[in-house]
Amino acid sequence: MDTSLADLTGVDNLYSYGQSYARYVGRRYALGLDERKPNLPGSHPAWIQVYGVSAAIYRMFTVSGLIIAATAALSRCRGCHRGGRSVVVLSLSIGNVD
């Protein structure tokens, strides 16, 4: 049985709608920008809101954990000069490009 969360909730394009809502929450509440709420399908807006914010938080913790682990691993390397700091700078410079 191979079903996705979009199939279970009955929301097509759940990822896209969730991303747009998470972007709205971040810009409106974290940055204080005057943003309009995105248009969500009328039948399941609560699912999309919960999914969008939860997925954004999950991605943030996952990427942060990977950066911390890589920094710790490279900082113990004897032949690596400033190896840990270069991982952090590289990961911050890549970012999320829309």
PDB file of N, CA and C in Angstrom:
ATOM      1  N   MET A   1       0.854  -1.177   0.000  1.00  0.00           N
ATOM      2  CA  MET A   1       0.000   0.000   0.000  1.00  0.00           C
ATOM      3  C   MET A   1       0.895   1.235   0.000  1.00  0.00           C
ATOM      4  N   ASP A   2       0.833   2.001  -1.075  1.00  0.00           N
ATOM      5  CA  ASP A   2       1.680   3.171  -1.217  1.00  0.00           C
ATOM      6  C   ASP A   2       0.798   4.407  -1.403  1.00  0.00           C
ATOM      7  N   THR A   3       0.450   5.042  -0.297  1.00  0.00           N
ATOM      8  CA  THR A   3      -0.370   6.249  -0.375  1.00  0.00           C
ATOM      9  C   THR A   3       0.385   7.407   0.257  1.00  0.00           C
ATOM     10  N   SER A   4       0.144   8.563  -0.264  1.00  0.00           N
ATOM     11  CA  SER A   4       0.807   9.747   0.263  1.00  0.00           C
ATOM     12  C   SER A   4      -0.159  10.522   1.156  1.00  0.00           C
ATOM     13  N   LEU A   5       0.385  11.497   1.858  1.00  0.00           N
ATOM     14  CA  LEU A   5      -0.444  12.333   2.718  1.00  0.00           C
ATOM     15  C   LEU A   5      -1.446  13.129   1.886  1.00  0.00           C
ATOM     16  N   ALA A   6      -1.051  13.539   0.691  1.00  0.00           N
ATOM     17  CA  ALA A   6      -1.975  14.253  -0.191  1.00  0.00           C
ATOM     18  C   ALA A   6      -3.166  13.365  -0.562  1.00  0.00           C
ATOM     19  N   ASP A   7      -2.911  12.070  -0.788  1.00  0.00           N
ATOM     20  CA  ASP A   7      -4.002  11.149  -1.102  1.00  0.00           C
ATOM     21  C   ASP A   7      -4.921  10.939   0.100  1.00  0.00           C
ATOM     22  N   LEU A   8      -4.328  10.811   1.281  1.00  0.00           N
ATOM     23  CA  LEU A   8      -5.126  10.581   2.484  1.00  0.00           C
ATOM     24  C   LEU A   8      -6.000  11.774   2.838  1.00  0.00           C
ATOM     25  N   THR A   9      -5.487  12.981   2.646  1.00  0.00           N
ATOM     26  CA  THR A   9      -6.264  14.175   2.977  1.00  0.00           C
ATOM     27  C   THR A   9      -7.166  14.628   1.842  1.00  0.00           C
ATOM     28  N   GLY A  10      -6.914  14.145   0.640  1.00  0.00           N
ATOM     29  CA  GLY A  10      -7.724  14.537  -0.500  1.00  0.00           C
ATOM     30  C   GLY A  10      -7.387  15.918  -1.044  1.00  0.00           C
ATOM     31  N   VAL A  11      -6.176  16.409  -0.761  1.00  0.00           N
ATOM     32  CA  VAL A  11      -5.758  17.731  -1.221  1.00  0.00           C
ATOM     33  C   VAL A  11      -4.719  17.559  -2.319  1.00  0.00           C
ATOM     34  N   ASP A  12      -5.059  17.982  -3.532  1.00  0.00           N
ATOM     35  CA  ASP A  12      -4.086  17.970  -4.612  1.00  0.00           C
ATOM     36  C   ASP A  12      -3.095  19.106  -4.395  1.00  0.00           C
ATOM     37  N   ASN A  13      -1.847  18.892  -4.777  1.00  0.00           N
ATOM     38  CA  ASN A  13      -0.780  19.898  -4.622  1.00  0.00           C
ATOM     39  C   ASN A  13      -0.593  20.327  -3.169  1.00  0.00           C
ATOM     40  N   LEU A  14      -0.657  19.388  -2.259  1.00  0.00           N
ATOM     41  CA  LEU A  14      -0.516  19.695  -0.831  1.00  0.00           C
ATOM     42  C   LEU A  14       0.819  20.359  -0.541  1.00  0.00           C
ATOM     43  N   TYR A  15       1.885  19.892  -1.168  1.00  0.00           N
ATOM     44  CA  TYR A  15       3.210  20.465  -0.927  1.00  0.00           C
ATOM     45  C   TYR A  15       3.251  21.936  -1.331  1.00  0.00           C
ATOM     46  N   SER A  16       2.738  22.265  -2.493  1.00  0.00           N
ATOM     47  CA  SER A  16       2.757  23.646  -2.974  1.00  0.00           C
ATOM     48  C   SER A  16       1.943  24.565  -2.084  1.00  0.00           C
ATOM     49  N   TYR A  17       0.757  24.130  -1.725  1.00  0.00           N
ATOM     50  CA  TYR A  17      -0.079  24.944  -0.841  1.00  0.00           C
ATOM     51  C   TYR A  17       0.549  25.089   0.542  1.00  0.00           C
ATOM     52  N   GLY A  18       1.130  24.008   1.051  1.00  0.00           N
ATOM     53  CA  GLY A  18       1.791  24.059   2.351  1.00  0.00           C
ATOM     54  C   GLY A  18       2.980  24.996   2.355  1.00  0.00           C
ATOM     55  N   GLN A  19       3.769  24.950   1.289  1.00  0.00           N
ATOM     56  CA  GLN A  19       4.920  25.851   1.164  1.00  0.00           C
ATOM     57  C   GLN A  19       4.477  27.306   1.141  1.00  0.00           C
ATOM     58  N   SER A  20       3.442  27.613   0.387  1.00  0.00           N
ATOM     59  CA  SER A  20       2.992  29.001   0.311  1.00  0.00           C
ATOM     60  C   SER A  20       2.456  29.474   1.653  1.00  0.00           C
ATOM     61  N   TYR A  21       1.784  28.593   2.404  1.00  0.00           N
ATOM     62  CA  TYR A  21       1.289  28.996   3.722  1.00  0.00           C
ATOM     63  C   TYR A  21       2.439  29.160   4.718  1.00  0.00           C
ATOM     64  N   ALA A  22       3.425  28.272   4.673  1.00  0.00           N
ATOM     65  CA  ALA A  22       4.580  28.394   5.570  1.00  0.00           C
ATOM     66  C   ALA A  22       5.352  29.675   5.264  1.00  0.00           C
ATOM     67  N   ARG A  23       5.489  30.016   3.989  1.00  0.00           N
ATOM     68  CA  ARG A  23       6.137  31.268   3.600  1.00  0.00           C
ATOM     69  C   ARG A  23       5.365  32.471   4.145  1.00  0.00           C
ATOM     70  N   TYR A  24       4.046  32.404   4.060  1.00  0.00           N
ATOM     71  CA  TYR A  24       3.188  33.474   4.595  1.00  0.00           C
ATOM     72  C   TYR A  24       3.395  33.639   6.097  1.00  0.00           C
ATOM     73  N   VAL A  25       3.389  32.531   6.831  1.00  0.00           N
ATOM     74  CA  VAL A  25       3.560  32.594   8.290  1.00  0.00           C
ATOM     75  C   VAL A  25       4.924  33.172   8.642  1.00  0.00           C
ATOM     76  N   GLY A  26       5.968  32.734   7.942  1.00  0.00           N
ATOM     77  CA  GLY A  26       7.305  33.239   8.214  1.00  0.00           C
ATOM     78  C   GLY A  26       7.439  34.717   7.935  1.00  0.00           C
ATOM     79  N   ARG A  27       6.914  35.148   6.819  1.00  0.00           N
ATOM     80  CA  ARG A  27       7.028  36.567   6.467  1.00  0.00           C
ATOM     81  C   ARG A  27       6.157  37.442   7.349  1.00  0.00           C
ATOM     82  N   ARG A  28       4.972  36.966   7.660  1.00  0.00           N
ATOM     83  CA  ARG A  28       4.028  37.774   8.440  1.00  0.00           C
ATOM     84  C   ARG A  28       4.421  37.852   9.907  1.00  0.00           C
ATOM     85  N   TYR A  29       4.708  36.708  10.527  1.00  0.00           N
ATOM     86  CA  TYR A  29       4.906  36.681  11.977  1.00  0.00           C
ATOM     87  C   TYR A  29       6.370  36.726  12.390  1.00  0.00           C
ATOM     88  N   ALA A  30       7.253  36.119  11.625  1.00  0.00           N
ATOM     89  CA  ALA A  30       8.674  36.138  11.997  1.00  0.00           C
ATOM     90  C   ALA A  30       9.352  37.428  11.531  1.00  0.00           C
ATOM     91  N   LEU A  31       9.014  37.892  10.335  1.00  0.00           N
ATOM     92  CA  LEU A  31       9.653  39.095   9.800  1.00  0.00           C
ATOM     93  C   LEU A  31       8.813  40.353   9.967  1.00  0.00           C
ATOM     94  N   GLY A  32       7.531  40.191  10.295  1.00  0.00           N
ATOM     95  CA  GLY A  32       6.660  41.336  10.508  1.00  0.00           C
ATOM     96  C   GLY A  32       6.249  42.061   9.237  1.00  0.00           C
ATOM     97  N   LEU A  33       6.308  41.378   8.097  1.00  0.00           N
ATOM     98  CA  LEU A  33       5.929  41.995   6.829  1.00  0.00           C
ATOM     99  C   LEU A  33       4.414  41.959   6.657  1.00  0.00           C
ATOM    100  N   ASP A  34       3.895  42.904   5.905  1.00  0.00           N
ATOM    101  CA  ASP A  34       2.462  42.952   5.635  1.00  0.00           C
ATOM    102  C   ASP A  34       2.160  42.032   4.453  1.00  0.00           C
ATOM    103  N   GLU A  35       1.746  40.827   4.755  1.00  0.00           N
ATOM    104  CA  GLU A  35       1.492  39.807   3.732  1.00  0.00           C
ATOM    105  C   GLU A  35       0.020  39.436   3.727  1.00  0.00           C
ATOM    106  N   ARG A  36      -0.466  39.108   2.536  1.00  0.00           N
ATOM    107  CA  ARG A  36      -1.820  38.588   2.425  1.00  0.00           C
ATOM    108  C   ARG A  36      -1.788  37.077   2.581  1.00  0.00           C
ATOM    109  N   LYS A  37      -2.827  36.551   3.193  1.00  0.00           N
ATOM    110  CA  LYS A  37      -2.940  35.104   3.367  1.00  0.00           C
ATOM    111  C   LYS A  37      -3.121  34.454   1.994  1.00  0.00           C
ATOM    112  N   PRO A  38      -2.396  33.361   1.722  1.00  0.00           N
ATOM    113  CA  PRO A  38      -2.517  32.722   0.401  1.00  0.00           C
ATOM    114  C   PRO A  38      -3.880  32.060   0.221  1.00  0.00           C
ATOM    115  N   ASN A  39      -4.279  31.937  -1.021  1.00  0.00           N
ATOM    116  CA  ASN A  39      -5.534  31.248  -1.337  1.00  0.00           C
ATOM    117  C   ASN A  39      -5.328  29.748  -1.181  1.00  0.00           C
ATOM    118  N   LEU A  40      -6.110  29.150  -0.300  1.00  0.00           N
ATOM    119  CA  LEU A  40      -6.050  27.709  -0.059  1.00  0.00           C
ATOM    120  C   LEU A  40      -7.363  27.094  -0.513  1.00  0.00           C
ATOM    121  N   PRO A  41      -7.347  25.814  -0.892  1.00  0.00           N
ATOM    122  CA  PRO A  41      -8.601  25.167  -1.282  1.00  0.00           C
ATOM    123  C   PRO A  41      -9.608  25.231  -0.140  1.00  0.00           C
ATOM    124  N   GLY A  42     -10.852  25.500  -0.455  1.00  0.00           N
ATOM    125  CA  GLY A  42     -11.884  25.701   0.564  1.00  0.00           C
ATOM    126  C   GLY A  42     -12.230  24.492   1.397  1.00  0.00           C
ATOM    127  N   SER A  43     -11.972  23.297   0.897  1.00  0.00           N
ATOM    128  CA  SER A  43     -12.435  22.109   1.614  1.00  0.00           C
ATOM    129  C   SER A  43     -11.522  21.680   2.767  1.00  0.00           C
ATOM    130  N   HIS A  44     -10.210  21.967   2.694  1.00  0.00           N
ATOM    131  CA  HIS A  44      -9.291  21.476   3.716  1.00  0.00           C
ATOM    132  C   HIS A  44      -8.213  22.501   4.113  1.00  0.00           C
ATOM    133  N   PRO A  45      -8.547  23.720   4.461  1.00  0.00           N
ATOM    134  CA  PRO A  45      -7.478  24.686   4.772  1.00  0.00           C
ATOM    135  C   PRO A  45      -6.715  24.343   6.053  1.00  0.00           C
ATOM    136  N   ALA A  46      -7.359  23.710   7.026  1.00  0.00           N
ATOM    137  CA  ALA A  46      -6.670  23.388   8.286  1.00  0.00           C
ATOM    138  C   ALA A  46      -5.554  22.368   8.057  1.00  0.00           C
ATOM    139  N   TRP A  47      -5.797  21.348   7.228  1.00  0.00           N
ATOM    140  CA  TRP A  47      -4.770  20.351   6.924  1.00  0.00           C
ATOM    141  C   TRP A  47      -3.562  20.999   6.282  1.00  0.00           C
ATOM    142  N   ILE A  48      -3.825  21.900   5.372  1.00  0.00           N
ATOM    143  CA  ILE A  48      -2.734  22.549   4.647  1.00  0.00           C
ATOM    144  C   ILE A  48      -1.924  23.430   5.584  1.00  0.00           C
ATOM    145  N   GLN A  49      -2.573  24.153   6.467  1.00  0.00           N
ATOM    146  CA  GLN A  49      -1.873  25.020   7.413  1.00  0.00           C
ATOM    147  C   GLN A  49      -0.997  24.213   8.363  1.00  0.00           C
ATOM    148  N   VAL A  50      -1.543  23.141   8.914  1.00  0.00           N
ATOM    149  CA  VAL A  50      -0.772  22.296   9.830  1.00  0.00           C
ATOM    150  C   VAL A  50       0.393  21.643   9.103  1.00  0.00           C
ATOM    151  N   TYR A  51       0.134  21.117   7.918  1.00  0.00           N
ATOM    152  CA  TYR A  51       1.193  20.471   7.145  1.00  0.00           C
ATOM    153  C   TYR A  51       2.296  21.460   6.777  1.00  0.00           C
ATOM    154  N   GLY A  52       1.932  22.621   6.287  1.00  0.00           N
ATOM    155  CA  GLY A  52       2.918  23.605   5.844  1.00  0.00           C
ATOM    156  C   GLY A  52       3.849  24.047   6.954  1.00  0.00           C
ATOM    157  N   VAL A  53       3.298  24.385   8.105  1.00  0.00           N
ATOM    158  CA  VAL A  53       4.118  24.839   9.233  1.00  0.00           C
ATOM    159  C   VAL A  53       4.940  23.675   9.790  1.00  0.00           C
ATOM    160  N   SER A  54       4.340  22.498   9.924  1.00  0.00           N
ATOM    161  CA  SER A  54       5.068  21.332  10.444  1.00  0.00           C
ATOM    162  C   SER A  54       6.222  20.926   9.535  1.00  0.00           C
ATOM    163  N   ALA A  55       5.992  20.927   8.229  1.00  0.00           N
ATOM    164  CA  ALA A  55       7.046  20.556   7.279  1.00  0.00           C
ATOM    165  C   ALA A  55       8.195  21.561   7.309  1.00  0.00           C
ATOM    166  N   ALA A  56       7.874  22.845   7.454  1.00  0.00           N
ATOM    167  CA  ALA A  56       8.925  23.869   7.520  1.00  0.00           C
ATOM    168  C   ALA A  56       9.768  23.705   8.778  1.00  0.00           C
ATOM    169  N   ILE A  57       9.132  23.441   9.897  1.00  0.00           N
ATOM    170  CA  ILE A  57       9.869  23.224  11.151  1.00  0.00           C
ATOM    171  C   ILE A  57      10.733  21.968  11.051  1.00  0.00           C
ATOM    172  N   TYR A  58      10.190  20.897  10.484  1.00  0.00           N
ATOM    173  CA  TYR A  58      10.938  19.656  10.306  1.00  0.00           C
ATOM    174  C   TYR A  58      12.180  19.883   9.447  1.00  0.00           C
ATOM    175  N   ARG A  59      12.010  20.591   8.314  1.00  0.00           N
ATOM    176  CA  ARG A  59      13.154  20.872   7.443  1.00  0.00           C
ATOM    177  C   ARG A  59      14.206  21.707   8.156  1.00  0.00           C
ATOM    178  N   MET A  60      13.768  22.688   8.945  1.00  0.00           N
ATOM    179  CA  MET A  60      14.706  23.544   9.660  1.00  0.00           C
ATOM    180  C   MET A  60      15.549  22.726  10.648  1.00  0.00           C
ATOM    181  N   PHE A  61      14.919  21.852  11.419  1.00  0.00           N
ATOM    182  CA  PHE A  61      15.659  21.030  12.372  1.00  0.00           C
ATOM    183  C   PHE A  61      16.560  20.009  11.673  1.00  0.00           C
ATOM    184  N   THR A  62      16.089  19.437  10.580  1.00  0.00           N
ATOM    185  CA  THR A  62      16.890  18.457   9.853  1.00  0.00           C
ATOM    186  C   THR A  62      18.149  19.085   9.272  1.00  0.00           C
ATOM    187  N   VAL A  63      18.003  20.208   8.600  1.00  0.00           N
ATOM    188  CA  VAL A  63      19.156  20.877   8.003  1.00  0.00           C
ATOM    189  C   VAL A  63      20.107  21.385   9.093  1.00  0.00           C
ATOM    190  N   SER A  64      19.571  21.923  10.167  1.00  0.00           N
ATOM    191  CA  SER A  64      20.425  22.387  11.274  1.00  0.00           C
ATOM    192  C   SER A  64      21.218  21.232  11.874  1.00  0.00           C
ATOM    193  N   GLY A  65      20.571  20.091  12.055  1.00  0.00           N
ATOM    194  CA  GLY A  65      21.262  18.925  12.593  1.00  0.00           C
ATOM    195  C   GLY A  65      22.370  18.432  11.678  1.00  0.00           C
ATOM    196  N   LEU A  66      22.116  18.425  10.387  1.00  0.00           N
ATOM    197  CA  LEU A  66      23.147  18.008   9.439  1.00  0.00           C
ATOM    198  C   LEU A  66      24.329  18.979   9.436  1.00  0.00           C
ATOM    199  N   ILE A  67      24.057  20.271   9.516  1.00  0.00           N
ATOM    200  CA  ILE A  67      25.134  21.259   9.556  1.00  0.00           C
ATOM    201  C   ILE A  67      25.959  21.109  10.830  1.00  0.00           C
ATOM    202  N   ILE A  68      25.297  20.915  11.954  1.00  0.00           N
ATOM    203  CA  ILE A  68      26.013  20.738  13.225  1.00  0.00           C
ATOM    204  C   ILE A  68      26.857  19.475  13.195  1.00  0.00           C
ATOM    205  N   ALA A  69      26.308  18.388  12.670  1.00  0.00           N
ATOM    206  CA  ALA A  69      27.058  17.130  12.594  1.00  0.00           C
ATOM    207  C   ALA A  69      28.268  17.258  11.676  1.00  0.00           C
ATOM    208  N   ALA A  70      28.097  17.894  10.525  1.00  0.00           N
ATOM    209  CA  ALA A  70      29.226  18.070   9.603  1.00  0.00           C
ATOM    210  C   ALA A  70      30.284  18.981  10.199  1.00  0.00           C
ATOM    211  N   THR A  71      29.862  20.027  10.887  1.00  0.00           N
ATOM    212  CA  THR A  71      30.813  20.939  11.523  1.00  0.00           C
ATOM    213  C   THR A  71      31.605  20.221  12.614  1.00  0.00           C
ATOM    214  N   ALA A  72      30.918  19.425  13.418  1.00  0.00           N
ATOM    215  CA  ALA A  72      31.599  18.689  14.483  1.00  0.00           C
ATOM    216  C   ALA A  72      32.567  17.662  13.905  1.00  0.00           C
ATOM    217  N   ALA A  73      32.169  16.978  12.846  1.00  0.00           N
ATOM    218  CA  ALA A  73      33.038  15.970  12.243  1.00  0.00           C
ATOM    219  C   ALA A  73      34.273  16.599  11.624  1.00  0.00           C
ATOM    220  N   LEU A  74      34.106  17.719  10.939  1.00  0.00           N
ATOM    221  CA  LEU A  74      35.240  18.358  10.283  1.00  0.00           C
ATOM    222  C   LEU A  74      36.134  19.139  11.246  1.00  0.00           C
ATOM    223  N   SER A  75      35.585  19.558  12.361  1.00  0.00           N
ATOM    224  CA  SER A  75      36.419  20.307  13.309  1.00  0.00           C
ATOM    225  C   SER A  75      37.405  19.383  14.025  1.00  0.00           C
ATOM    226  N   ARG A  76      37.131  18.079  14.053  1.00  0.00           N
ATOM    227  CA  ARG A  76      38.039  17.117  14.677  1.00  0.00           C
ATOM    228  C   ARG A  76      39.107  16.633  13.714  1.00  0.00           C
ATOM    229  N   CYS A  77      38.982  16.970  12.450  1.00  0.00           N
ATOM    230  CA  CYS A  77      39.931  16.536  11.431  1.00  0.00           C
ATOM    231  C   CYS A  77      41.261  17.268  11.619  1.00  0.00           C
ATOM    232  N   ARG A  78      42.368  16.521  11.774  1.00  0.00           N
ATOM    233  CA  ARG A  78      43.675  17.138  12.046  1.00  0.00           C
ATOM    234  C   ARG A  78      44.225  17.892  10.842  1.00  0.00           C
ATOM    235  N   GLY A  79      44.014  17.398   9.653  1.00  0.00           N
ATOM    236  CA  GLY A  79      44.563  18.035   8.472  1.00  0.00           C
ATOM    237  C   GLY A  79      43.665  19.113   7.883  1.00  0.00           C
ATOM    238  N   CYS A  80      42.462  19.253   8.434  1.00  0.00           N
ATOM    239  CA  CYS A  80      41.516  20.233   7.883  1.00  0.00           C
ATOM    240  C   CYS A  80      41.693  21.565   8.607  1.00  0.00           C
ATOM    241  N   HIS A  81      42.072  22.566   7.893  1.00  0.00           N
ATOM    242  CA  HIS A  81      42.214  23.897   8.485  1.00  0.00           C
ATOM    243  C   HIS A  81      40.877  24.616   8.371  1.00  0.00           C
ATOM    244  N   ARG A  82      40.306  24.935   9.484  1.00  0.00           N
ATOM    245  CA  ARG A  82      39.022  25.634   9.564  1.00  0.00           C
ATOM    246  C   ARG A  82      37.935  24.899   8.771  1.00  0.00           C
ATOM    247  N   GLY A  83      37.978  23.593   8.800  1.00  0.00           N
ATOM    248  CA  GLY A  83      37.033  22.786   8.025  1.00  0.00           C
ATOM    249  C   GLY A  83      35.600  22.958   8.470  1.00  0.00           C
ATOM    250  N   GLY A  84      35.363  23.012   9.768  1.00  0.00           N
ATOM    251  CA  GLY A  84      34.003  23.150  10.273  1.00  0.00           C
ATOM    252  C   GLY A  84      33.372  24.457   9.881  1.00  0.00           C
ATOM    253  N   ARG A  85      34.141  25.523   9.932  1.00  0.00           N
ATOM    254  CA  ARG A  85      33.583  26.834   9.583  1.00  0.00           C
ATOM    255  C   ARG A  85      33.244  26.919   8.099  1.00  0.00           C
ATOM    256  N   SER A  86      34.003  26.253   7.263  1.00  0.00           N
ATOM    257  CA  SER A  86      33.708  26.312   5.830  1.00  0.00           C
ATOM    258  C   SER A  86      32.402  25.607   5.507  1.00  0.00           C
ATOM    259  N   VAL A  87      32.044  24.548   6.259  1.00  0.00           N
ATOM    260  CA  VAL A  87      30.776  23.864   6.037  1.00  0.00           C
ATOM    261  C   VAL A  87      29.621  24.800   6.355  1.00  0.00           C
ATOM    262  N   VAL A  88      29.736  25.528   7.457  1.00  0.00           N
ATOM    263  CA  VAL A  88      28.669  26.448   7.846  1.00  0.00           C
ATOM    264  C   VAL A  88      28.529  27.560   6.822  1.00  0.00           C
ATOM    265  N   VAL A  89      29.626  28.142   6.383  1.00  0.00           N
ATOM    266  CA  VAL A  89      29.571  29.218   5.399  1.00  0.00           C
ATOM    267  C   VAL A  89      29.010  28.705   4.082  1.00  0.00           C
ATOM    268  N   LEU A  90      29.431  27.533   3.646  1.00  0.00           N
ATOM    269  CA  LEU A  90      28.931  26.950   2.404  1.00  0.00           C
ATOM    270  C   LEU A  90      27.438  26.686   2.498  1.00  0.00           C
ATOM    271  N   SER A  91      26.986  26.106   3.589  1.00  0.00           N
ATOM    272  CA  SER A  91      25.565  25.777   3.726  1.00  0.00           C
ATOM    273  C   SER A  91      24.711  27.038   3.821  1.00  0.00           C
ATOM    274  N   LEU A  92      25.221  28.082   4.453  1.00  0.00           N
ATOM    275  CA  LEU A  92      24.461  29.318   4.532  1.00  0.00           C
ATOM    276  C   LEU A  92      24.424  30.031   3.181  1.00  0.00           C
ATOM    277  N   SER A  93      25.477  29.886   2.401  1.00  0.00           N
ATOM    278  CA  SER A  93      25.504  30.568   1.101  1.00  0.00           C
ATOM    279  C   SER A  93      24.606  29.886   0.081  1.00  0.00           C
ATOM    280  N   ILE A  94      24.376  28.581   0.235  1.00  0.00           N
ATOM    281  CA  ILE A  94      23.521  27.870  -0.711  1.00  0.00           C
ATOM    282  C   ILE A  94      22.068  28.283  -0.498  1.00  0.00           C
ATOM    283  N   GLY A  95      21.579  28.183   0.732  1.00  0.00           N
ATOM    284  CA  GLY A  95      20.234  28.635   1.082  1.00  0.00           C
ATOM    285  C   GLY A  95      19.142  27.950   0.297  1.00  0.00           C
ATOM    286  N   ASN A  96      17.957  28.539   0.378  1.00  0.00           N
ATOM    287  CA  ASN A  96      16.775  28.030  -0.325  1.00  0.00           C
ATOM    288  C   ASN A  96      16.391  29.034  -1.398  1.00  0.00           C
ATOM    289  N   VAL A  97      16.633  28.678  -2.642  1.00  0.00           N
ATOM    290  CA  VAL A  97      16.352  29.580  -3.759  1.00  0.00           C
ATOM    291  C   VAL A  97      15.011  29.204  -4.361  1.00  0.00           C
ATOM    292  N   ASP A  98      14.100  30.157  -4.419  1.00  0.00           N
ATOM    293  CA  ASP A  98      12.775  29.898  -5.006  1.00  0.00           C
ATOM    294  C   ASP A  98      12.791  30.144  -6.482  1.00  0.00           C
TER     295      ASP A  98
END
